[in-house]
Amino acid sequence: MNRRRRIRRNELARILAVTNQKGGVGKTTTAVNLSACLAALGQRVLMIDLDPQGNGTTGCGIIKREALPTVYQLLIGRSTLAQARLKTDFGFDILPANRELAGAEVDLIDMAGREYRLRDALAPALGDYDFILMDCPPALNMLTVNGLTAADAVMIPMQCEYYALEGLTDLVATLKKVRAHLNARLEIEGLLRTMFDPRSTLTQQVSGELVEHFGDKVYRTIIPRNVRLAEAPSYGKPVIAFDRLSKGAQAYSALAQELLDRQAAMGATTELAGASGQPAKGRLA
């Protein structure tokens, strides 16, 4: 654990936006369960619920209607991160959300630096965490823009279905615009295949096309369709706390380890580039 922390950029948290403009692809499931599995591996994790539905909040055992202050108060300047974050029972912190977050769209319109509100609010706490994971809403609205502007990279959960590649092309175009105008460091961390059914020929075909087009951007870990994974949110628990031996828990544990391995490799590459005087290669596909 200490070795991985030493290679991380300036000892600051790596901020990942879990995003896809398509709904129902496993963004919230991934944010909650990856946070818990990283915490189980000894990482200091903050999860941020940026979706007004607040499903990530309830999936962590937090009663969202009782959670005050929330990310909404943080964005509009009525609360600090230290005041709004809560400790979960699963080893990581959460910045909760509830339905009042939907009002942030209107409240942020006339605010100076509206795209940077979340980035600026997180700045004092970057040394407190190894990872910050943001569960973004399934739309390119001001909440998602704040998440992408604050992020170092994006993790894209997606089902291997007919329209997946077309939607992914649109998302990559959006990310390039954000990088050009708001966040020059933004990159794609990886593409995560979710709700995977290996019995489906179409699923296998789309999965193969993803690997062909995006290469090592596609995580080796695949998240299967799994009953226990689907049941866990109704108990307010990540699947690793609900059924550690389930295929869903094993998959997200493997993803957490793969993410740490990527971080270690990235740190080694950066150190070698610095020693040779050559710039590290950009990673936005």
C-alpha atoms as a PDB file:
ATOM      1  CA  MET A   1       0.000   0.000   0.000  1.00  0.00           C
ATOM      2  CA  ASN A   2       2.724   2.479   0.881  1.00  0.00           C
ATOM      3  CA  ARG A   3       4.580   1.686  -2.315  1.00  0.00           C
ATOM      4  CA  ARG A   4       1.547   2.651  -4.386  1.00  0.00           C
ATOM      5  CA  ARG A   5       1.082   5.883  -2.485  1.00  0.00           C
ATOM      6  CA  ARG A   6       4.664   6.951  -3.129  1.00  0.00           C
ATOM      7  CA  ILE A   7       4.216   6.748  -6.889  1.00  0.00           C
ATOM      8  CA  ARG A   8       0.957   8.706  -6.947  1.00  0.00           C
ATOM      9  CA  ARG A   9       1.120  12.249  -8.307  1.00  0.00           C
ATOM     10  CA  ASN A  10       2.343  14.609  -5.571  1.00  0.00           C
ATOM     11  CA  GLU A  11       0.745  12.400  -2.913  1.00  0.00           C
ATOM     12  CA  LEU A  12      -2.642  13.743  -4.011  1.00  0.00           C
ATOM     13  CA  ALA A  13      -5.799  11.798  -4.716  1.00  0.00           C
ATOM     14  CA  ARG A  14      -6.423  10.473  -8.207  1.00  0.00           C
ATOM     15  CA  ILE A  15      -9.889  11.719  -9.152  1.00  0.00           C
ATOM     16  CA  LEU A  16     -11.986   9.456 -11.361  1.00  0.00           C
ATOM     17  CA  ALA A  17     -15.328  10.403 -12.892  1.00  0.00           C
ATOM     18  CA  VAL A  18     -17.458   7.296 -13.415  1.00  0.00           C
ATOM     19  CA  THR A  19     -19.512   8.434 -16.358  1.00  0.00           C
ATOM     20  CA  ASN A  20     -21.524   7.485 -19.403  1.00  0.00           C
ATOM     21  CA  GLN A  21     -24.181   9.591 -21.109  1.00  0.00           C
ATOM     22  CA  LYS A  22     -26.292   6.429 -21.356  1.00  0.00           C
ATOM     23  CA  GLY A  23     -28.229   5.406 -18.266  1.00  0.00           C
ATOM     24  CA  GLY A  24     -28.545   1.939 -16.776  1.00  0.00           C
ATOM     25  CA  VAL A  25     -25.023   0.801 -17.569  1.00  0.00           C
ATOM     26  CA  GLY A  26     -23.744   0.327 -14.016  1.00  0.00           C
ATOM     27  CA  LYS A  27     -22.228   3.705 -13.105  1.00  0.00           C
ATOM     28  CA  THR A  28     -23.599   3.800  -9.576  1.00  0.00           C
ATOM     29  CA  THR A  29     -22.947   0.106  -9.022  1.00  0.00           C
ATOM     30  CA  THR A  30     -19.360   0.633 -10.100  1.00  0.00           C
ATOM     31  CA  ALA A  31     -18.799   3.777  -8.013  1.00  0.00           C
ATOM     32  CA  VAL A  32     -20.128   2.161  -4.828  1.00  0.00           C
ATOM     33  CA  ASN A  33     -18.501  -1.235  -5.199  1.00  0.00           C
ATOM     34  CA  LEU A  34     -15.156  -0.023  -6.490  1.00  0.00           C
ATOM     35  CA  SER A  35     -14.974   2.442  -3.580  1.00  0.00           C
ATOM     36  CA  ALA A  36     -15.583  -0.373  -1.105  1.00  0.00           C
ATOM     37  CA  CYS A  37     -13.105  -2.732  -2.761  1.00  0.00           C
ATOM     38  CA  LEU A  38     -10.368  -0.080  -2.935  1.00  0.00           C
ATOM     39  CA  ALA A  39     -10.957   0.643   0.749  1.00  0.00           C
ATOM     40  CA  ALA A  40     -10.649  -3.080   1.487  1.00  0.00           C
ATOM     41  CA  LEU A  41      -7.210  -2.937  -0.163  1.00  0.00           C
ATOM     42  CA  GLY A  42      -6.133  -0.208   2.243  1.00  0.00           C
ATOM     43  CA  GLN A  43      -6.782   2.817   0.045  1.00  0.00           C
ATOM     44  CA  ARG A  44      -8.218   6.075   1.381  1.00  0.00           C
ATOM     45  CA  VAL A  45     -11.342   6.687  -0.705  1.00  0.00           C
ATOM     46  CA  LEU A  46     -13.945   9.410  -1.071  1.00  0.00           C
ATOM     47  CA  MET A  47     -17.027   8.691  -3.173  1.00  0.00           C
ATOM     48  CA  ILE A  48     -19.011  11.660  -4.484  1.00  0.00           C
ATOM     49  CA  ASP A  49     -22.652  11.175  -5.462  1.00  0.00           C
ATOM     50  CA  LEU A  50     -23.339  13.675  -8.265  1.00  0.00           C
ATOM     51  CA  ASP A  51     -26.653  12.129  -9.314  1.00  0.00           C
ATOM     52  CA  PRO A  52     -29.811  13.785  -7.911  1.00  0.00           C
ATOM     53  CA  GLN A  53     -31.418  10.345  -7.672  1.00  0.00           C
ATOM     54  CA  GLY A  54     -29.053   9.690  -4.772  1.00  0.00           C
ATOM     55  CA  ASN A  55     -28.857   5.955  -5.450  1.00  0.00           C
ATOM     56  CA  GLY A  56     -25.159   5.886  -4.662  1.00  0.00           C
ATOM     57  CA  THR A  57     -25.923   7.426  -1.279  1.00  0.00           C
ATOM     58  CA  THR A  58     -28.563   4.842  -0.357  1.00  0.00           C
ATOM     59  CA  GLY A  59     -26.358   2.066  -1.740  1.00  0.00           C
ATOM     60  CA  CYS A  60     -23.821   2.989   0.949  1.00  0.00           C
ATOM     61  CA  GLY A  61     -26.391   2.707   3.725  1.00  0.00           C
ATOM     62  CA  ILE A  62     -27.013   6.461   4.047  1.00  0.00           C
ATOM     63  CA  ILE A  63     -30.614   7.686   4.367  1.00  0.00           C
ATOM     64  CA  LYS A  64     -30.512  10.378   1.717  1.00  0.00           C
ATOM     65  CA  ARG A  65     -33.430  12.456   3.000  1.00  0.00           C
ATOM     66  CA  GLU A  66     -31.607  12.813   6.330  1.00  0.00           C
ATOM     67  CA  ALA A  67     -28.213  13.588   4.779  1.00  0.00           C
ATOM     68  CA  LEU A  68     -27.444  17.282   5.317  1.00  0.00           C
ATOM     69  CA  PRO A  69     -25.389  19.024   4.167  1.00  0.00           C
ATOM     70  CA  THR A  70     -24.889  17.319   0.803  1.00  0.00           C
ATOM     71  CA  VAL A  71     -22.928  17.895  -2.385  1.00  0.00           C
ATOM     72  CA  TYR A  72     -25.604  20.462  -3.282  1.00  0.00           C
ATOM     73  CA  GLN A  73     -24.633  22.749  -0.390  1.00  0.00           C
ATOM     74  CA  LEU A  74     -20.979  22.216  -1.306  1.00  0.00           C
ATOM     75  CA  LEU A  75     -21.506  23.307  -4.915  1.00  0.00           C
ATOM     76  CA  ILE A  76     -23.397  26.471  -4.044  1.00  0.00           C
ATOM     77  CA  GLY A  77     -20.938  27.477  -1.332  1.00  0.00           C
ATOM     78  CA  ARG A  78     -23.054  26.870   1.749  1.00  0.00           C
ATOM     79  CA  SER A  79     -20.883  24.040   3.095  1.00  0.00           C
ATOM     80  CA  THR A  80     -17.311  22.807   3.035  1.00  0.00           C
ATOM     81  CA  LEU A  81     -16.206  19.309   2.152  1.00  0.00           C
ATOM     82  CA  ALA A  82     -15.214  18.678   5.757  1.00  0.00           C
ATOM     83  CA  GLN A  83     -18.773  19.528   6.835  1.00  0.00           C
ATOM     84  CA  ALA A  84     -20.552  17.524   4.138  1.00  0.00           C
ATOM     85  CA  ARG A  85     -18.617  14.264   3.914  1.00  0.00           C
ATOM     86  CA  LEU A  86     -19.784  11.258   5.906  1.00  0.00           C
ATOM     87  CA  LYS A  87     -18.050   8.058   6.945  1.00  0.00           C
ATOM     88  CA  THR A  88     -19.690   4.883   5.718  1.00  0.00           C
ATOM     89  CA  ASP A  89     -19.586   1.526   7.496  1.00  0.00           C
ATOM     90  CA  PHE A  90     -17.469   0.150   4.656  1.00  0.00           C
ATOM     91  CA  GLY A  91     -14.160   1.933   5.097  1.00  0.00           C
ATOM     92  CA  PHE A  92     -14.617   4.934   2.805  1.00  0.00           C
ATOM     93  CA  ASP A  93     -16.130   8.415   2.980  1.00  0.00           C
ATOM     94  CA  ILE A  94     -19.049   9.681   0.913  1.00  0.00           C
ATOM     95  CA  LEU A  95     -20.254  13.085  -0.169  1.00  0.00           C
ATOM     96  CA  PRO A  96     -23.998  12.336  -0.302  1.00  0.00           C
ATOM     97  CA  ALA A  97     -26.732  13.567  -2.612  1.00  0.00           C
ATOM     98  CA  ASN A  98     -30.500  13.759  -2.620  1.00  0.00           C
ATOM     99  CA  ARG A  99     -33.186  15.195  -4.878  1.00  0.00           C
ATOM    100  CA  GLU A 100     -32.401  18.823  -3.993  1.00  0.00           C
ATOM    101  CA  LEU A 101     -29.241  18.430  -6.076  1.00  0.00           C
ATOM    102  CA  ALA A 102     -31.457  18.805  -9.144  1.00  0.00           C
ATOM    103  CA  GLY A 103     -31.771  22.480  -8.219  1.00  0.00           C
ATOM    104  CA  ALA A 104     -28.042  22.998  -8.662  1.00  0.00           C
ATOM    105  CA  GLU A 105     -28.548  23.411 -12.411  1.00  0.00           C
ATOM    106  CA  VAL A 106     -30.513  26.603 -11.821  1.00  0.00           C
ATOM    107  CA  ASP A 107     -28.443  27.849  -8.885  1.00  0.00           C
ATOM    108  CA  LEU A 108     -25.157  27.528 -10.749  1.00  0.00           C
ATOM    109  CA  ILE A 109     -26.234  29.469 -13.850  1.00  0.00           C
ATOM    110  CA  ASP A 110     -25.223  32.890 -12.564  1.00  0.00           C
ATOM    111  CA  MET A 111     -22.291  31.796 -10.401  1.00  0.00           C
ATOM    112  CA  ALA A 112     -18.781  32.797 -11.402  1.00  0.00           C
ATOM    113  CA  GLY A 113     -16.609  29.837 -12.379  1.00  0.00           C
ATOM    114  CA  ARG A 114     -19.626  27.541 -12.294  1.00  0.00           C
ATOM    115  CA  GLU A 115     -17.783  24.718 -14.099  1.00  0.00           C
ATOM    116  CA  TYR A 116     -15.031  24.738 -11.461  1.00  0.00           C
ATOM    117  CA  ARG A 117     -17.105  24.747  -8.267  1.00  0.00           C
ATOM    118  CA  LEU A 118     -16.471  21.098  -7.433  1.00  0.00           C
ATOM    119  CA  ARG A 119     -12.784  21.206  -8.388  1.00  0.00           C
ATOM    120  CA  ASP A 120     -12.183  24.168  -6.119  1.00  0.00           C
ATOM    121  CA  ALA A 121     -14.165  22.642  -3.235  1.00  0.00           C
ATOM    122  CA  LEU A 122     -12.143  19.422  -3.386  1.00  0.00           C
ATOM    123  CA  ALA A 123      -8.735  21.105  -3.500  1.00  0.00           C
ATOM    124  CA  PRO A 124      -8.174  21.359   0.306  1.00  0.00           C
ATOM    125  CA  ALA A 125      -8.813  17.628   0.795  1.00  0.00           C
ATOM    126  CA  LEU A 126      -6.781  16.099  -2.035  1.00  0.00           C
ATOM    127  CA  GLY A 127      -4.090  15.033   0.399  1.00  0.00           C
ATOM    128  CA  ASP A 128      -6.626  13.171   2.543  1.00  0.00           C
ATOM    129  CA  TYR A 129      -7.359  10.481  -0.051  1.00  0.00           C
ATOM    130  CA  ASP A 130      -5.745   8.107  -2.517  1.00  0.00           C
ATOM    131  CA  PHE A 131      -8.817   7.977  -4.761  1.00  0.00           C
ATOM    132  CA  ILE A 132     -11.885  10.145  -5.258  1.00  0.00           C
ATOM    133  CA  LEU A 133     -14.634   8.465  -7.297  1.00  0.00           C
ATOM    134  CA  MET A 134     -17.530  10.490  -8.678  1.00  0.00           C
ATOM    135  CA  ASP A 135     -20.839   8.917  -9.693  1.00  0.00           C
ATOM    136  CA  CYS A 136     -21.952  11.237 -12.516  1.00  0.00           C
ATOM    137  CA  PRO A 137     -25.557  11.527 -13.754  1.00  0.00           C
ATOM    138  CA  PRO A 138     -26.446  10.039 -17.166  1.00  0.00           C
ATOM    139  CA  ALA A 139     -26.542  13.399 -18.928  1.00  0.00           C
ATOM    140  CA  LEU A 140     -24.125  16.107 -19.989  1.00  0.00           C
ATOM    141  CA  ASN A 141     -25.411  18.732 -17.560  1.00  0.00           C
ATOM    142  CA  MET A 142     -23.654  21.157 -15.232  1.00  0.00           C
ATOM    143  CA  LEU A 143     -23.200  18.447 -12.599  1.00  0.00           C
ATOM    144  CA  THR A 144     -21.405  16.187 -15.058  1.00  0.00           C
ATOM    145  CA  VAL A 145     -19.350  19.121 -16.356  1.00  0.00           C
ATOM    146  CA  ASN A 146     -18.255  19.875 -12.783  1.00  0.00           C
ATOM    147  CA  GLY A 147     -17.252  16.245 -12.360  1.00  0.00           C
ATOM    148  CA  LEU A 148     -15.279  16.140 -15.611  1.00  0.00           C
ATOM    149  CA  THR A 149     -13.585  19.443 -14.845  1.00  0.00           C
ATOM    150  CA  ALA A 150     -12.482  18.175 -11.439  1.00  0.00           C
ATOM    151  CA  ALA A 151     -11.368  14.747 -12.668  1.00  0.00           C
ATOM    152  CA  ASP A 152      -7.964  13.435 -13.634  1.00  0.00           C
ATOM    153  CA  ALA A 153      -9.586  10.709 -15.708  1.00  0.00           C
ATOM    154  CA  VAL A 154     -12.857   9.012 -16.582  1.00  0.00           C
ATOM    155  CA  MET A 155     -13.930   5.433 -16.083  1.00  0.00           C
ATOM    156  CA  ILE A 156     -16.637   4.425 -18.551  1.00  0.00           C
ATOM    157  CA  PRO A 157     -18.915   1.517 -17.587  1.00  0.00           C
ATOM    158  CA  MET A 158     -20.808   0.125 -20.551  1.00  0.00           C
ATOM    159  CA  GLN A 159     -22.906  -2.813 -21.597  1.00  0.00           C
ATOM    160  CA  CYS A 160     -21.787  -4.755 -24.638  1.00  0.00           C
ATOM    161  CA  GLU A 161     -24.910  -4.086 -26.678  1.00  0.00           C
ATOM    162  CA  TYR A 162     -25.821  -2.896 -30.167  1.00  0.00           C
ATOM    163  CA  TYR A 163     -25.570   0.873 -29.650  1.00  0.00           C
ATOM    164  CA  ALA A 164     -22.585   0.783 -27.291  1.00  0.00           C
ATOM    165  CA  LEU A 165     -19.893   1.751 -29.792  1.00  0.00           C
ATOM    166  CA  GLU A 166     -21.927   4.597 -31.289  1.00  0.00           C
ATOM    167  CA  GLY A 167     -22.636   6.029 -27.849  1.00  0.00           C
ATOM    168  CA  LEU A 168     -19.010   5.637 -26.866  1.00  0.00           C
ATOM    169  CA  THR A 169     -17.891   7.612 -29.911  1.00  0.00           C
ATOM    170  CA  ASP A 170     -20.156  10.486 -28.854  1.00  0.00           C
ATOM    171  CA  LEU A 171     -18.850  10.343 -25.292  1.00  0.00           C
ATOM    172  CA  VAL A 172     -15.214  10.444 -26.402  1.00  0.00           C
ATOM    173  CA  ALA A 173     -16.015  13.502 -28.533  1.00  0.00           C
ATOM    174  CA  THR A 174     -17.543  15.172 -25.476  1.00  0.00           C
ATOM    175  CA  LEU A 175     -14.493  14.370 -23.365  1.00  0.00           C
ATOM    176  CA  LYS A 176     -12.203  15.913 -25.972  1.00  0.00           C
ATOM    177  CA  LYS A 177     -14.243  19.132 -25.868  1.00  0.00           C
ATOM    178  CA  VAL A 178     -13.998  19.243 -22.078  1.00  0.00           C
ATOM    179  CA  ARG A 179     -10.270  18.674 -22.322  1.00  0.00           C
ATOM    180  CA  ALA A 180      -9.878  21.452 -24.892  1.00  0.00           C
ATOM    181  CA  HIS A 181     -11.876  24.070 -22.988  1.00  0.00           C
ATOM    182  CA  LEU A 182     -12.038  23.185 -19.282  1.00  0.00           C
ATOM    183  CA  ASN A 183      -9.612  20.478 -18.153  1.00  0.00           C
ATOM    184  CA  ALA A 184      -6.446  19.893 -20.153  1.00  0.00           C
ATOM    185  CA  ARG A 185      -5.333  16.935 -18.003  1.00  0.00           C
ATOM    186  CA  LEU A 186      -8.498  14.852 -18.556  1.00  0.00           C
ATOM    187  CA  GLU A 187      -7.869  11.351 -19.888  1.00  0.00           C
ATOM    188  CA  ILE A 188      -9.672   8.051 -20.255  1.00  0.00           C
ATOM    189  CA  GLU A 189      -8.728   5.766 -17.394  1.00  0.00           C
ATOM    190  CA  GLY A 190     -10.512   2.769 -18.873  1.00  0.00           C
ATOM    191  CA  LEU A 191     -13.617   1.141 -20.320  1.00  0.00           C
ATOM    192  CA  LEU A 192     -15.410  -1.321 -18.077  1.00  0.00           C
ATOM    193  CA  ARG A 193     -17.634  -4.030 -19.519  1.00  0.00           C
ATOM    194  CA  THR A 194     -20.629  -4.456 -17.195  1.00  0.00           C
ATOM    195  CA  MET A 195     -23.690  -6.733 -16.929  1.00  0.00           C
ATOM    196  CA  PHE A 196     -21.755  -9.148 -19.093  1.00  0.00           C
ATOM    197  CA  ASP A 197     -23.492 -12.302 -20.297  1.00  0.00           C
ATOM    198  CA  PRO A 198     -20.967 -14.584 -22.012  1.00  0.00           C
ATOM    199  CA  ARG A 199     -23.763 -16.716 -23.471  1.00  0.00           C
ATOM    200  CA  SER A 200     -24.789 -13.885 -25.802  1.00  0.00           C
ATOM    201  CA  THR A 201     -23.160 -13.896 -29.230  1.00  0.00           C
ATOM    202  CA  LEU A 202     -23.850 -10.165 -29.618  1.00  0.00           C
ATOM    203  CA  THR A 203     -22.201  -9.445 -26.270  1.00  0.00           C
ATOM    204  CA  GLN A 204     -19.093 -11.329 -27.341  1.00  0.00           C
ATOM    205  CA  GLN A 205     -19.004  -9.519 -30.696  1.00  0.00           C
ATOM    206  CA  VAL A 206     -19.305  -6.050 -29.162  1.00  0.00           C
ATOM    207  CA  SER A 207     -16.734  -6.930 -26.504  1.00  0.00           C
ATOM    208  CA  GLY A 208     -14.316  -7.961 -29.227  1.00  0.00           C
ATOM    209  CA  GLU A 209     -14.901  -4.713 -31.123  1.00  0.00           C
ATOM    210  CA  LEU A 210     -14.228  -2.688 -27.973  1.00  0.00           C
ATOM    211  CA  VAL A 211     -10.894  -4.397 -27.463  1.00  0.00           C
ATOM    212  CA  GLU A 212     -10.051  -3.989 -31.149  1.00  0.00           C
ATOM    213  CA  HIS A 213     -10.813  -0.247 -31.145  1.00  0.00           C
ATOM    214  CA  PHE A 214      -9.566   0.743 -27.684  1.00  0.00           C
ATOM    215  CA  GLY A 215      -6.908  -1.853 -26.884  1.00  0.00           C
ATOM    216  CA  ASP A 216      -5.509  -1.664 -23.366  1.00  0.00           C
ATOM    217  CA  LYS A 217      -7.998   1.066 -22.452  1.00  0.00           C
ATOM    218  CA  VAL A 218     -10.443  -1.813 -21.923  1.00  0.00           C
ATOM    219  CA  TYR A 219     -10.081  -3.311 -18.451  1.00  0.00           C
ATOM    220  CA  ARG A 220      -9.259  -6.996 -18.359  1.00  0.00           C
ATOM    221  CA  THR A 221     -11.775  -7.340 -15.538  1.00  0.00           C
ATOM    222  CA  ILE A 222     -15.346  -7.939 -16.690  1.00  0.00           C
ATOM    223  CA  ILE A 223     -18.353  -7.362 -14.417  1.00  0.00           C
ATOM    224  CA  PRO A 224     -20.873 -10.186 -14.913  1.00  0.00           C
ATOM    225  CA  ARG A 225     -24.617 -10.150 -14.498  1.00  0.00           C
ATOM    226  CA  ASN A 226     -25.021 -11.328 -10.931  1.00  0.00           C
ATOM    227  CA  VAL A 227     -28.073 -11.663  -8.700  1.00  0.00           C
ATOM    228  CA  ARG A 228     -26.223 -10.855  -5.478  1.00  0.00           C
ATOM    229  CA  LEU A 229     -24.718  -7.751  -7.054  1.00  0.00           C
ATOM    230  CA  ALA A 230     -28.211  -6.584  -8.011  1.00  0.00           C
ATOM    231  CA  GLU A 231     -29.603  -7.335  -4.540  1.00  0.00           C
ATOM    232  CA  ALA A 232     -26.923  -5.565  -2.499  1.00  0.00           C
ATOM    233  CA  PRO A 233     -28.204  -1.955  -2.952  1.00  0.00           C
ATOM    234  CA  SER A 234     -31.581  -2.823  -1.421  1.00  0.00           C
ATOM    235  CA  TYR A 235     -29.702  -3.722   1.765  1.00  0.00           C
ATOM    236  CA  GLY A 236     -27.665  -0.503   1.682  1.00  0.00           C
ATOM    237  CA  LYS A 237     -24.407  -2.385   1.246  1.00  0.00           C
ATOM    238  CA  PRO A 238     -21.677  -2.789  -1.360  1.00  0.00           C
ATOM    239  CA  VAL A 239     -21.634  -6.357  -2.636  1.00  0.00           C
ATOM    240  CA  ILE A 240     -18.306  -7.081  -0.910  1.00  0.00           C
ATOM    241  CA  ALA A 241     -20.091  -6.526   2.431  1.00  0.00           C
ATOM    242  CA  PHE A 242     -23.291  -8.269   1.312  1.00  0.00           C
ATOM    243  CA  ASP A 243     -21.830 -11.448  -0.172  1.00  0.00           C
ATOM    244  CA  ARG A 244     -18.044 -11.473  -0.371  1.00  0.00           C
ATOM    245  CA  LEU A 245     -17.961 -14.805  -2.211  1.00  0.00           C
ATOM    246  CA  SER A 246     -20.354 -13.790  -4.983  1.00  0.00           C
ATOM    247  CA  LYS A 247     -19.128 -13.390  -8.551  1.00  0.00           C
ATOM    248  CA  GLY A 248     -19.989  -9.687  -8.400  1.00  0.00           C
ATOM    249  CA  ALA A 249     -17.845  -9.123  -5.307  1.00  0.00           C
ATOM    250  CA  GLN A 250     -14.962 -11.067  -6.810  1.00  0.00           C
ATOM    251  CA  ALA A 251     -15.191  -9.059 -10.040  1.00  0.00           C
ATOM    252  CA  TYR A 252     -15.096  -5.653  -8.325  1.00  0.00           C
ATOM    253  CA  SER A 253     -12.260  -6.819  -6.069  1.00  0.00           C
ATOM    254  CA  ALA A 254     -10.349  -7.798  -9.203  1.00  0.00           C
ATOM    255  CA  LEU A 255     -11.127  -4.416 -10.766  1.00  0.00           C
ATOM    256  CA  ALA A 256      -9.792  -2.593  -7.709  1.00  0.00           C
ATOM    257  CA  GLN A 257      -6.544  -4.552  -7.898  1.00  0.00           C
ATOM    258  CA  GLU A 258      -6.286  -3.937 -11.655  1.00  0.00           C
ATOM    259  CA  LEU A 259      -6.742  -0.216 -11.057  1.00  0.00           C
ATOM    260  CA  LEU A 260      -3.934  -0.214  -8.492  1.00  0.00           C
ATOM    261  CA  ASP A 261      -1.700  -2.192 -10.839  1.00  0.00           C
ATOM    262  CA  ARG A 262      -2.349   0.371 -13.589  1.00  0.00           C
ATOM    263  CA  GLN A 263      -1.473   3.153 -11.177  1.00  0.00           C
ATOM    264  CA  ALA A 264       1.790   1.448 -10.300  1.00  0.00           C
ATOM    265  CA  ALA A 265       2.655   1.002 -13.980  1.00  0.00           C
ATOM    266  CA  MET A 266       1.734   4.611 -14.743  1.00  0.00           C
ATOM    267  CA  GLY A 267       3.931   5.847 -11.922  1.00  0.00           C
ATOM    268  CA  ALA A 268       6.852   3.769 -13.141  1.00  0.00           C
ATOM    269  CA  THR A 269       6.398   5.085 -16.692  1.00  0.00           C
ATOM    270  CA  THR A 270       6.284   8.672 -15.444  1.00  0.00           C
ATOM    271  CA  GLU A 271       9.448   8.185 -13.385  1.00  0.00           C
ATOM    272  CA  LEU A 272      11.291   6.673 -16.373  1.00  0.00           C
ATOM    273  CA  ALA A 273      10.139   9.500 -18.642  1.00  0.00           C
ATOM    274  CA  GLY A 274      11.337  12.057 -16.119  1.00  0.00           C
ATOM    275  CA  ALA A 275      14.708  10.357 -15.780  1.00  0.00           C
ATOM    276  CA  SER A 276      15.184  10.306 -19.550  1.00  0.00           C
ATOM    277  CA  GLY A 277      14.026  13.884 -20.016  1.00  0.00           C
ATOM    278  CA  GLN A 278      11.197  12.746 -22.294  1.00  0.00           C
ATOM    279  CA  PRO A 279       7.588  13.804 -21.652  1.00  0.00           C
ATOM    280  CA  ALA A 280       5.139  11.086 -20.670  1.00  0.00           C
ATOM    281  CA  LYS A 281       2.699  10.189 -23.424  1.00  0.00           C
ATOM    282  CA  GLY A 282      -0.843  11.539 -23.280  1.00  0.00           C
ATOM    283  CA  ARG A 283      -3.538   8.970 -22.631  1.00  0.00           C
ATOM    284  CA  LEU A 284      -6.790  10.406 -23.928  1.00  0.00           C
ATOM    285  CA  ALA A 285      -8.078   8.152 -26.685  1.00  0.00           C
END
